[in-house]
Amino acid sequence: MELLILIAVLSGFIALYIVTMFLNQKVAIPESCKEAYLEAQSCESCATRSSGGKACGFSDALEFMKEVKL
């Protein structure tokens, strides 16, 4: 009986995770975060420097997202 309860609870958590991921994909990115999101998506690694000598903006994008209060 306890095993069935454990399986039910774990199945519930997995189902909740899948539903949450599905619903999260349908949410549009806020306009105030769109530029930072796109910059973070194109970043290959934090140590990479672009050809213009500018450091990778991933950490800047994260800082920007922390400052935005939704």
N, C-alpha and C. Protein backbone atom coordinates (compact mmCIF):
# COMPACT_ATOMS: atom_id res chain seq x y z
N MET A 1 0.82 -1.20 0.00
CA MET A 1 0.00 0.00 0.00
C MET A 1 0.87 1.26 0.00
N GLU A 2 1.91 1.24 0.83
CA GLU A 2 2.80 2.40 0.90
C GLU A 2 3.53 2.62 -0.42
N LEU A 3 3.84 1.53 -1.09
CA LEU A 3 4.51 1.62 -2.39
C LEU A 3 3.60 2.29 -3.42
N LEU A 4 2.32 1.96 -3.39
CA LEU A 4 1.36 2.58 -4.32
C LEU A 4 1.23 4.08 -4.06
N ILE A 5 1.24 4.45 -2.79
CA ILE A 5 1.17 5.88 -2.45
C ILE A 5 2.42 6.59 -2.95
N LEU A 6 3.57 5.98 -2.76
CA LEU A 6 4.83 6.57 -3.24
C LEU A 6 4.81 6.72 -4.76
N ILE A 7 4.36 5.71 -5.46
CA ILE A 7 4.28 5.77 -6.93
C ILE A 7 3.29 6.85 -7.36
N ALA A 8 2.17 6.96 -6.67
CA ALA A 8 1.17 7.99 -7.00
C ALA A 8 1.73 9.40 -6.79
N VAL A 9 2.44 9.59 -5.69
CA VAL A 9 3.02 10.92 -5.41
C VAL A 9 4.08 11.26 -6.45
N LEU A 10 4.96 10.32 -6.76
CA LEU A 10 5.99 10.58 -7.76
C LEU A 10 5.37 10.83 -9.14
N SER A 11 4.36 10.06 -9.49
CA SER A 11 3.68 10.28 -10.76
C SER A 11 3.02 11.65 -10.80
N GLY A 12 2.47 12.07 -9.69
CA GLY A 12 1.85 13.40 -9.59
C GLY A 12 2.87 14.50 -9.81
N PHE A 13 4.04 14.37 -9.20
CA PHE A 13 5.10 15.37 -9.38
C PHE A 13 5.58 15.41 -10.82
N ILE A 14 5.74 14.26 -11.42
CA ILE A 14 6.19 14.20 -12.82
C ILE A 14 5.15 14.83 -13.73
N ALA A 15 3.88 14.51 -13.50
CA ALA A 15 2.80 15.09 -14.31
C ALA A 15 2.74 16.60 -14.13
N LEU A 16 2.89 17.06 -12.90
CA LEU A 16 2.89 18.50 -12.64
C LEU A 16 4.04 19.19 -13.37
N TYR A 17 5.21 18.57 -13.37
CA TYR A 17 6.38 19.12 -14.06
C TYR A 17 6.11 19.21 -15.57
N ILE A 18 5.57 18.16 -16.14
CA ILE A 18 5.30 18.15 -17.59
C ILE A 18 4.26 19.21 -17.95
N VAL A 19 3.20 19.32 -17.17
CA VAL A 19 2.17 20.33 -17.43
C VAL A 19 2.75 21.73 -17.29
N THR A 20 3.57 21.94 -16.27
CA THR A 20 4.19 23.26 -16.07
C THR A 20 5.09 23.63 -17.23
N MET A 21 5.90 22.69 -17.72
CA MET A 21 6.76 22.96 -18.85
C MET A 21 5.95 23.26 -20.11
N PHE A 22 4.87 22.54 -20.32
CA PHE A 22 4.01 22.77 -21.48
C PHE A 22 3.38 24.16 -21.43
N LEU A 23 2.85 24.54 -20.28
CA LEU A 23 2.23 25.85 -20.14
C LEU A 23 3.25 26.98 -20.21
N ASN A 24 4.47 26.73 -19.72
CA ASN A 24 5.52 27.74 -19.74
C ASN A 24 5.94 28.07 -21.18
N GLN A 25 5.89 27.09 -22.08
CA GLN A 25 6.27 27.33 -23.47
C GLN A 25 5.27 28.24 -24.17
N LYS A 26 4.05 28.29 -23.69
CA LYS A 26 3.01 29.11 -24.32
C LYS A 26 3.07 30.58 -23.90
N VAL A 27 3.80 30.89 -22.84
CA VAL A 27 3.87 32.26 -22.33
C VAL A 27 4.85 33.07 -23.16
N ALA A 28 4.42 34.24 -23.59
CA ALA A 28 5.29 35.11 -24.38
C ALA A 28 6.31 35.79 -23.47
N ILE A 29 7.46 36.11 -24.04
CA ILE A 29 8.50 36.81 -23.31
C ILE A 29 8.08 38.28 -23.18
N PRO A 30 8.16 38.86 -21.98
CA PRO A 30 7.80 40.27 -21.81
C PRO A 30 8.70 41.16 -22.68
N GLU A 31 8.13 42.22 -23.22
CA GLU A 31 8.89 43.13 -24.09
C GLU A 31 10.11 43.71 -23.37
N SER A 32 10.00 43.97 -22.08
CA SER A 32 11.12 44.57 -21.35
C SER A 32 12.29 43.60 -21.21
N CYS A 33 12.06 42.30 -21.39
CA CYS A 33 13.11 41.30 -21.24
C CYS A 33 13.53 40.68 -22.58
N LYS A 34 12.86 41.04 -23.66
CA LYS A 34 13.09 40.36 -24.94
C LYS A 34 14.53 40.51 -25.42
N GLU A 35 15.09 41.70 -25.34
CA GLU A 35 16.46 41.92 -25.82
C GLU A 35 17.46 41.12 -25.00
N ALA A 36 17.30 41.13 -23.68
CA ALA A 36 18.21 40.38 -22.82
C ALA A 36 18.05 38.88 -23.05
N TYR A 37 16.83 38.43 -23.26
CA TYR A 37 16.59 37.00 -23.52
C TYR A 37 17.26 36.57 -24.82
N LEU A 38 17.10 37.35 -25.88
CA LEU A 38 17.72 37.01 -27.16
C LEU A 38 19.24 37.02 -27.06
N GLU A 39 19.78 37.98 -26.33
CA GLU A 39 21.23 38.04 -26.16
C GLU A 39 21.72 36.82 -25.38
N ALA A 40 20.99 36.41 -24.36
CA ALA A 40 21.39 35.24 -23.58
C ALA A 40 21.27 33.96 -24.40
N GLN A 41 20.31 33.88 -25.30
CA GLN A 41 20.14 32.69 -26.11
C GLN A 41 21.25 32.51 -27.13
N SER A 42 21.83 33.63 -27.60
CA SER A 42 22.88 33.53 -28.61
C SER A 42 24.27 33.41 -28.00
N CYS A 43 24.38 33.47 -26.71
CA CYS A 43 25.67 33.37 -26.03
C CYS A 43 26.15 31.92 -26.05
N GLU A 44 27.41 31.72 -26.45
CA GLU A 44 27.95 30.36 -26.51
C GLU A 44 28.58 29.95 -25.19
N SER A 45 29.27 30.86 -24.53
CA SER A 45 29.82 30.57 -23.20
C SER A 45 30.19 31.89 -22.55
N CYS A 46 30.32 31.88 -21.26
CA CYS A 46 30.60 33.12 -20.53
C CYS A 46 31.98 33.69 -20.83
N ALA A 47 32.93 32.86 -21.20
CA ALA A 47 34.29 33.33 -21.45
C ALA A 47 34.52 33.75 -22.90
N THR A 48 33.53 33.60 -23.75
CA THR A 48 33.69 33.92 -25.16
C THR A 48 33.67 35.43 -25.37
N ARG A 49 34.54 35.91 -26.22
CA ARG A 49 34.54 37.33 -26.59
C ARG A 49 34.17 37.43 -28.06
N SER A 50 33.36 38.42 -28.37
CA SER A 50 32.96 38.59 -29.77
C SER A 50 34.09 39.27 -30.55
N SER A 51 33.94 39.38 -31.86
CA SER A 51 34.99 39.94 -32.71
C SER A 51 35.23 41.41 -32.41
N GLY A 52 34.26 42.10 -31.86
CA GLY A 52 34.42 43.52 -31.55
C GLY A 52 35.16 43.77 -30.26
N GLY A 53 35.57 42.70 -29.55
CA GLY A 53 36.30 42.87 -28.30
C GLY A 53 35.38 43.05 -27.11
N LYS A 54 34.08 42.98 -27.34
CA LYS A 54 33.12 43.14 -26.25
C LYS A 54 32.95 41.79 -25.55
N ALA A 55 32.91 41.82 -24.23
CA ALA A 55 32.74 40.58 -23.47
C ALA A 55 31.34 40.02 -23.70
N CYS A 56 31.20 38.73 -23.49
CA CYS A 56 29.92 38.06 -23.63
C CYS A 56 28.90 38.73 -22.71
N GLY A 57 27.73 39.00 -23.21
CA GLY A 57 26.72 39.74 -22.45
C GLY A 57 25.81 38.87 -21.60
N PHE A 58 26.13 37.60 -21.42
CA PHE A 58 25.25 36.72 -20.67
C PHE A 58 25.10 37.19 -19.23
N SER A 59 26.21 37.55 -18.59
CA SER A 59 26.11 38.01 -17.21
C SER A 59 25.37 39.33 -17.13
N ASP A 60 25.53 40.20 -18.14
CA ASP A 60 24.79 41.45 -18.18
C ASP A 60 23.29 41.18 -18.33
N ALA A 61 22.95 40.20 -19.15
CA ALA A 61 21.55 39.85 -19.35
C ALA A 61 20.95 39.32 -18.05
N LEU A 62 21.70 38.51 -17.32
CA LEU A 62 21.20 38.00 -16.05
C LEU A 62 20.98 39.13 -15.05
N GLU A 63 21.91 40.06 -14.99
CA GLU A 63 21.76 41.20 -14.10
C GLU A 63 20.54 42.03 -14.48
N PHE A 64 20.33 42.21 -15.78
CA PHE A 64 19.17 42.96 -16.24
C PHE A 64 17.88 42.27 -15.83
N MET A 65 17.85 40.94 -15.97
CA MET A 65 16.65 40.20 -15.62
C MET A 65 16.38 40.25 -14.11
N LYS A 66 17.46 40.30 -13.31
CA LYS A 66 17.27 40.41 -11.87
C LYS A 66 16.70 41.76 -11.49
N GLU A 67 17.07 42.81 -12.24
CA GLU A 67 16.59 44.15 -11.92
C GLU A 67 15.15 44.35 -12.32
N VAL A 68 14.68 43.62 -13.33
CA VAL A 68 13.30 43.79 -13.79
C VAL A 68 12.37 43.14 -12.79
N LYS A 69 11.49 43.91 -12.25
CA LYS A 69 10.52 43.40 -11.27
C LYS A 69 9.20 43.17 -12.00
N LEU A 70 8.77 41.92 -12.04
CA LEU A 70 7.51 41.59 -12.71
C LEU A 70 6.39 41.50 -11.71
